[in-house]
Amino acid sequence: MSPQPPYVIGIDAGGTKTACVLADGNGQVIATAKGDGANLQAAGELSVEKTLHQVMDDAIGDRPLVPAAICLGMAGVDREDDARVVGAIMRRIGYKAQVFITNDALVALVAGAGLGPGVVIIAGTGSIAYGKNDRDEAARAGGWGYVLGDEGSGYWLGRLALRAVVRESDGRGRPTALTPYILRHFGVSQPQELIHEIYHQQFKPSGIAAVARYVQAARDEGDPIAVALLENAARELLSCAGSVVQRLRMQADTFPFVLAGGIFQAVPWLTEALTQRLSQLAPHASVVRLTREPALGAVTLALAAAKDGVRLPSYLPR
């Protein structure tokens, strides 16, 4: 009997959803599965374990196979405490595979740029810039969560859009085209009714982030409030990317900037703005928008771990 070919699993665990890909030793996708978000801070340890177990079981199904390697990309796991918790979760789930746990930003970067150098700018519910150079050095900026940062993210844009609406209602702010869009989104007729919708429905950050797409719609109508919000978002994301490029000394290098996350789909203007402006940071760099499932980057890392081993880039000191 010929030996069973190797199989690997790649997982991208985000705040809104978790994607899992089962692939063969050539990287060909065998099956995919999706589940709820698996952010450790937002969902808690038990919920994260349940989600990870579910997506892996769904991907493997009734196939009589054992993955040779599993790569899990998850926000926050480059913090020691979180890495220890997630490592314990993966050991409990088992599968007796080689398990490789890394930041979800690295997974997205590899999905868009392969194993070479590059910088990824992620703007989804949260935001972060992460990069690695050709010396296997890494740096990050942002990724502090919705309370401390996440500038340029969906939550950040959504919250500022809501603030613009209530400021208009108070007479403290200028009229904005955002108001009818947001009232319609929440199914209310007056800004005062937003209090019940926001505070009594226990909205998660992803629920606030869903409002961000209306900033694009209002900007398309020429609304100055929406124009200013998007200009600020572009500056914040550019600032994060600039910090990474400078610390990694990549200004003169040739590499891709990878734009990843739902905001670049919901707010196309941000894609256009960053594509034009990122050349200010690194004139020889290209800009690509990630359209593949980020979990495919985890598959690439899992294959590398199973075949030759893989070494995580080392963070430069801040």
Protein backbone atom coordinates (compact mmCIF):
# COMPACT_ATOMS: atom_id res chain seq x y z
CA MET A 1 0.00 0.00 0.00
CA SER A 2 1.41 3.40 -1.00
CA PRO A 3 1.90 5.90 1.82
CA GLN A 4 -0.88 8.39 2.44
CA PRO A 5 -0.05 11.78 0.89
CA PRO A 6 0.46 14.60 3.38
CA TYR A 7 -2.41 16.92 4.14
CA VAL A 8 -2.33 20.29 5.85
CA ILE A 9 -4.84 22.68 7.39
CA GLY A 10 -4.69 26.45 7.22
CA ILE A 11 -6.91 28.60 9.46
CA ASP A 12 -7.54 32.33 9.47
CA ALA A 13 -9.32 33.22 12.73
CA GLY A 14 -10.67 36.75 12.56
CA GLY A 15 -12.98 38.84 14.69
CA THR A 16 -15.96 38.36 12.37
CA LYS A 17 -15.41 34.90 10.87
CA THR A 18 -13.06 31.93 10.93
CA ALA A 19 -12.04 30.23 7.69
CA CYS A 20 -10.42 26.80 7.51
CA VAL A 21 -8.87 25.17 4.43
CA LEU A 22 -7.85 21.53 4.06
CA ALA A 23 -5.25 21.05 1.32
CA ASP A 24 -3.08 18.26 -0.04
CA GLY A 25 0.71 18.22 -0.19
CA ASN A 26 0.67 20.22 -3.44
CA GLY A 27 -1.46 22.96 -1.94
CA GLN A 28 -4.59 21.89 -3.80
CA VAL A 29 -7.72 22.72 -1.79
CA ILE A 30 -9.66 19.63 -0.72
CA ALA A 31 -12.31 21.27 1.45
CA THR A 32 -13.16 24.54 3.18
CA ALA A 33 -15.21 25.40 6.24
CA LYS A 34 -16.31 28.61 7.93
CA GLY A 35 -17.38 29.48 11.45
CA ASP A 36 -17.92 32.37 13.81
CA GLY A 37 -15.21 34.82 14.75
CA ALA A 38 -12.49 33.50 17.06
CA ASN A 39 -10.96 36.58 18.60
CA LEU A 40 -9.69 35.59 22.05
CA GLN A 41 -10.36 38.97 23.65
CA ALA A 42 -13.83 39.39 22.18
CA ALA A 43 -15.14 35.82 22.29
CA GLY A 44 -13.31 34.15 25.18
CA GLU A 45 -11.35 30.91 25.40
CA LEU A 46 -14.24 28.43 25.39
CA SER A 47 -15.93 30.03 22.40
CA VAL A 48 -12.65 30.13 20.47
CA GLU A 49 -12.02 26.44 21.19
CA LYS A 50 -15.52 25.52 20.07
CA THR A 51 -15.16 27.46 16.80
CA LEU A 52 -11.72 26.07 15.95
CA HIS A 53 -12.83 22.51 16.69
CA GLN A 54 -15.94 22.96 14.56
CA VAL A 55 -14.21 24.35 11.46
CA MET A 56 -11.51 21.68 11.51
CA ASP A 57 -14.06 18.89 11.94
CA ASP A 58 -16.19 20.35 9.13
CA ALA A 59 -13.20 20.61 6.78
CA ILE A 60 -11.97 17.06 7.43
CA GLY A 61 -15.46 15.60 7.49
CA ASP A 62 -15.48 11.79 7.32
CA ARG A 63 -12.18 11.58 5.45
CA PRO A 64 -9.82 9.04 7.10
CA LEU A 65 -6.85 11.37 7.25
CA VAL A 66 -4.64 13.12 9.77
CA PRO A 67 -3.12 16.46 8.81
CA ALA A 68 0.66 16.60 8.92
CA ALA A 69 0.68 20.27 9.88
CA ILE A 70 -1.80 22.92 10.97
CA CYS A 71 -1.14 26.65 10.70
CA LEU A 72 -3.45 28.91 12.68
CA GLY A 73 -3.39 32.65 12.10
CA MET A 74 -5.06 34.64 14.87
CA ALA A 75 -4.87 38.22 16.04
CA GLY A 76 -2.88 38.74 19.24
CA VAL A 77 -1.00 35.46 19.37
CA ASP A 78 2.36 37.21 19.23
CA ARG A 79 1.58 38.30 22.79
CA GLU A 80 2.97 35.68 25.15
CA ASP A 81 -0.15 35.18 27.29
CA ASP A 82 -2.47 34.80 24.30
CA ALA A 83 -0.05 32.44 22.56
CA ARG A 84 0.00 30.20 25.62
CA VAL A 85 -3.82 30.06 25.78
CA VAL A 86 -4.21 29.35 22.06
CA GLY A 87 -1.47 26.71 22.19
CA ALA A 88 -3.36 24.94 24.98
CA ILE A 89 -6.56 25.07 22.93
CA MET A 90 -4.87 23.46 19.94
CA ARG A 91 -3.35 20.74 22.10
CA ARG A 92 -6.79 19.91 23.50
CA ILE A 93 -8.28 19.71 20.03
CA GLY A 94 -5.49 17.34 19.03
CA TYR A 95 -5.17 15.75 15.59
CA LYS A 96 -1.53 14.89 16.53
CA ALA A 97 -0.30 17.29 13.88
CA GLN A 98 2.56 19.73 13.93
CA VAL A 99 0.83 22.97 14.97
CA PHE A 100 2.15 26.34 13.93
CA ILE A 101 0.48 29.41 15.49
CA THR A 102 1.11 32.91 14.18
CA ASN A 103 -0.45 36.33 13.82
CA ASP A 104 -3.28 36.60 11.31
CA ALA A 105 -1.44 39.50 9.67
CA LEU A 106 1.41 37.20 8.61
CA VAL A 107 -1.14 34.76 7.17
CA ALA A 108 -2.73 37.56 5.11
CA LEU A 109 0.69 38.79 3.96
CA VAL A 110 1.71 35.30 2.78
CA ALA A 111 -1.65 34.90 0.99
CA GLY A 112 -0.93 38.06 -0.99
CA ALA A 113 2.86 38.09 -1.30
CA GLY A 114 4.06 34.52 -0.79
CA LEU A 115 6.95 33.78 1.55
CA GLY A 116 9.02 36.77 0.46
CA PRO A 117 9.18 40.28 1.92
CA GLY A 118 6.18 42.57 1.92
CA VAL A 119 3.87 44.77 3.97
CA VAL A 120 0.20 44.02 4.59
CA ILE A 121 -2.32 46.66 5.58
CA ILE A 122 -5.39 45.05 7.09
CA ALA A 123 -8.56 47.09 7.53
CA GLY A 124 -11.55 45.05 8.58
CA THR A 125 -13.41 45.39 11.86
CA GLY A 126 -9.97 46.37 13.24
CA SER A 127 -6.77 47.51 11.57
CA ILE A 128 -3.06 46.73 11.58
CA ALA A 129 0.01 47.03 9.35
CA TYR A 130 2.55 44.23 9.43
CA GLY A 131 5.65 43.63 7.38
CA LYS A 132 8.74 41.51 7.01
CA ASN A 133 11.91 42.27 5.09
CA ASP A 134 14.41 40.04 3.27
CA ARG A 135 16.39 39.66 6.51
CA ASP A 136 13.47 37.89 8.24
CA GLU A 137 12.86 40.89 10.46
CA ALA A 138 9.26 41.87 11.23
CA ALA A 139 7.49 44.97 12.49
CA ARG A 140 3.89 45.93 13.13
CA ALA A 141 1.92 49.09 13.81
CA GLY A 142 -1.66 49.31 14.99
CA GLY A 143 -3.64 46.27 16.04
CA TRP A 144 -4.35 47.74 19.47
CA GLY A 145 -8.08 46.92 19.43
CA TYR A 146 -11.11 49.13 19.08
CA VAL A 147 -10.72 50.85 22.46
CA LEU A 148 -7.06 51.83 22.12
CA GLY A 149 -6.70 52.23 18.36
CA ASP A 150 -7.73 50.48 15.15
CA GLU A 151 -7.69 53.78 13.26
CA GLY A 152 -8.92 53.47 9.69
CA SER A 153 -10.84 50.28 10.47
CA GLY A 154 -14.50 49.54 9.91
CA TYR A 155 -15.32 50.05 13.58
CA TRP A 156 -13.41 53.34 13.68
CA LEU A 157 -15.17 54.65 10.56
CA GLY A 158 -18.57 53.39 11.70
CA ARG A 159 -18.29 54.98 15.12
CA LEU A 160 -17.23 58.35 13.68
CA ALA A 161 -20.10 58.20 11.19
CA LEU A 162 -22.55 57.61 14.04
CA ARG A 163 -21.02 60.50 15.97
CA ALA A 164 -21.47 62.78 12.95
CA VAL A 165 -25.17 61.91 12.86
CA VAL A 166 -25.80 62.64 16.53
CA ARG A 167 -23.73 65.82 16.39
CA GLU A 168 -25.89 67.06 13.55
CA SER A 169 -28.97 66.20 15.58
CA ASP A 170 -27.64 68.26 18.52
CA GLY A 171 -26.78 71.23 16.35
CA ARG A 172 -23.10 70.74 17.23
CA GLY A 173 -22.12 69.50 13.80
CA ARG A 174 -22.80 70.25 10.17
CA PRO A 175 -25.60 68.52 8.25
CA THR A 176 -24.41 65.27 6.72
CA ALA A 177 -25.68 62.89 4.06
CA LEU A 178 -24.76 60.09 6.46
CA THR A 179 -27.92 60.65 8.51
CA PRO A 180 -30.54 59.09 6.20
CA TYR A 181 -28.26 56.15 5.40
CA ILE A 182 -27.63 55.34 9.04
CA LEU A 183 -31.23 55.84 10.18
CA ARG A 184 -32.36 53.49 7.42
CA HIS A 185 -29.68 50.94 8.34
CA PHE A 186 -30.94 50.73 11.91
CA GLY A 187 -34.61 50.95 10.93
CA VAL A 188 -35.33 54.14 12.89
CA SER A 189 -36.76 57.53 11.92
CA GLN A 190 -35.00 59.82 14.41
CA PRO A 191 -31.39 59.99 15.64
CA GLN A 192 -32.65 59.76 19.24
CA GLU A 193 -33.81 56.22 18.53
CA LEU A 194 -30.21 55.19 17.87
CA ILE A 195 -29.63 55.13 21.63
CA HIS A 196 -31.86 52.09 22.03
CA GLU A 197 -30.48 50.39 18.92
CA ILE A 198 -26.83 50.83 19.90
CA TYR A 199 -26.88 50.39 23.66
CA HIS A 200 -29.73 47.94 24.18
CA GLN A 201 -28.97 45.59 21.31
CA GLN A 202 -25.45 44.96 22.69
CA PHE A 203 -23.78 45.71 19.39
CA LYS A 204 -20.42 44.05 18.81
CA PRO A 205 -17.64 46.02 17.10
CA SER A 206 -18.47 44.19 13.86
CA GLY A 207 -22.00 45.60 14.07
CA ILE A 208 -20.67 49.15 14.22
CA ALA A 209 -18.20 48.36 11.42
CA ALA A 210 -21.13 47.48 9.16
CA VAL A 211 -21.98 51.19 9.03
CA ALA A 212 -18.67 52.09 7.38
CA ARG A 213 -19.90 51.39 3.86
CA TYR A 214 -22.27 54.35 4.11
CA VAL A 215 -19.29 56.69 4.45
CA GLN A 216 -18.39 55.74 0.86
CA ALA A 217 -21.98 56.35 -0.28
CA ALA A 218 -22.12 59.77 1.42
CA ARG A 219 -18.71 60.69 -0.03
CA ASP A 220 -19.97 59.83 -3.51
CA GLU A 221 -22.67 62.46 -2.95
CA GLY A 222 -20.01 65.02 -2.11
CA ASP A 223 -20.73 65.11 1.62
CA PRO A 224 -17.85 67.03 3.27
CA ILE A 225 -18.14 65.08 6.54
CA ALA A 226 -17.71 61.76 4.74
CA VAL A 227 -14.87 63.18 2.63
CA ALA A 228 -13.02 64.24 5.80
CA LEU A 229 -13.60 60.87 7.50
CA LEU A 230 -12.14 58.94 4.59
CA GLU A 231 -9.18 61.29 4.25
CA ASN A 232 -8.43 60.72 7.94
CA ALA A 233 -8.77 56.95 7.50
CA ALA A 234 -6.33 56.97 4.59
CA ARG A 235 -3.82 59.05 6.57
CA GLU A 236 -4.03 56.70 9.56
CA LEU A 237 -3.51 53.55 7.48
CA LEU A 238 -0.69 55.22 5.57
CA SER A 239 0.90 56.20 8.88
CA CYS A 240 0.83 52.58 10.11
CA ALA A 241 2.36 51.34 6.88
CA GLY A 242 4.98 54.07 6.98
CA SER A 243 6.03 53.10 10.50
CA VAL A 244 6.55 49.48 9.40
CA VAL A 245 8.50 50.42 6.26
CA GLN A 246 10.75 52.79 8.16
CA ARG A 247 11.54 50.40 11.00
CA LEU A 248 12.31 47.58 8.56
CA ARG A 249 14.40 49.93 6.36
CA MET A 250 12.45 48.95 3.25
CA GLN A 251 12.17 52.42 1.67
CA ALA A 252 14.40 51.49 -1.28
CA ASP A 253 13.30 47.84 -1.58
CA THR A 254 11.07 46.19 -4.17
CA PHE A 255 8.15 44.40 -2.54
CA PRO A 256 4.34 44.33 -2.57
CA PHE A 257 2.01 46.26 -0.30
CA VAL A 258 -0.98 43.96 0.26
CA LEU A 259 -4.36 45.55 1.06
CA ALA A 260 -6.51 43.07 2.99
CA GLY A 261 -9.79 43.22 4.85
CA GLY A 262 -13.45 43.96 4.21
CA ILE A 263 -13.14 47.73 4.33
CA PHE A 264 -11.25 47.80 1.05
CA GLN A 265 -14.28 46.15 -0.54
CA ALA A 266 -16.91 48.18 1.33
CA VAL A 267 -15.06 51.48 0.80
CA PRO A 268 -13.35 51.30 -2.63
CA TRP A 269 -12.09 54.89 -2.32
CA LEU A 270 -9.62 53.73 0.33
CA THR A 271 -8.12 51.23 -2.11
CA GLU A 272 -7.69 53.94 -4.72
CA ALA A 273 -6.24 56.43 -2.24
CA LEU A 274 -3.70 54.03 -0.76
CA THR A 275 -2.69 52.69 -4.16
CA GLN A 276 -1.81 56.23 -5.18
CA ARG A 277 -0.12 57.26 -1.93
CA LEU A 278 1.89 54.22 -0.84
CA SER A 279 4.54 55.02 -3.44
CA GLN A 280 5.48 57.95 -1.19
CA LEU A 281 6.75 55.41 1.34
CA ALA A 282 8.57 53.02 -1.02
CA PRO A 283 8.79 54.14 -4.68
CA HIS A 284 9.77 50.67 -5.97
CA ALA A 285 6.93 48.82 -4.22
CA SER A 286 3.76 47.59 -5.90
CA VAL A 287 0.25 47.53 -4.45
CA VAL A 288 -2.07 44.52 -4.66
CA ARG A 289 -5.47 43.95 -3.19
CA LEU A 290 -5.90 40.58 -1.52
CA THR A 291 -8.80 38.80 -3.18
CA ARG A 292 -7.84 35.26 -2.09
CA GLU A 293 -8.98 33.74 1.17
CA PRO A 294 -6.31 34.67 3.76
CA ALA A 295 -6.47 31.11 5.09
CA LEU A 296 -4.62 30.08 1.91
CA GLY A 297 -1.63 31.92 3.34
CA ALA A 298 -1.91 29.66 6.37
CA VAL A 299 -1.91 26.67 4.01
CA THR A 300 1.34 27.91 2.44
CA LEU A 301 2.93 28.24 5.89
CA ALA A 302 1.63 24.80 6.95
CA LEU A 303 3.13 23.21 3.83
CA ALA A 304 6.46 24.89 4.53
CA ALA A 305 6.33 23.65 8.13
CA ALA A 306 5.51 20.09 7.03
CA LYS A 307 8.25 19.92 4.37
CA ASP A 308 11.23 21.93 5.51
CA GLY A 309 10.17 23.65 8.71
CA VAL A 310 9.36 27.33 8.88
CA ARG A 311 10.87 30.09 10.93
CA LEU A 312 8.82 33.04 12.12
CA PRO A 313 10.27 36.46 11.36
CA SER A 314 11.70 38.10 14.49
CA TYR A 315 10.13 41.35 15.63
CA LEU A 316 12.50 44.29 15.77
CA PRO A 317 12.52 46.10 19.13
CA ARG A 318 10.26 49.15 19.17
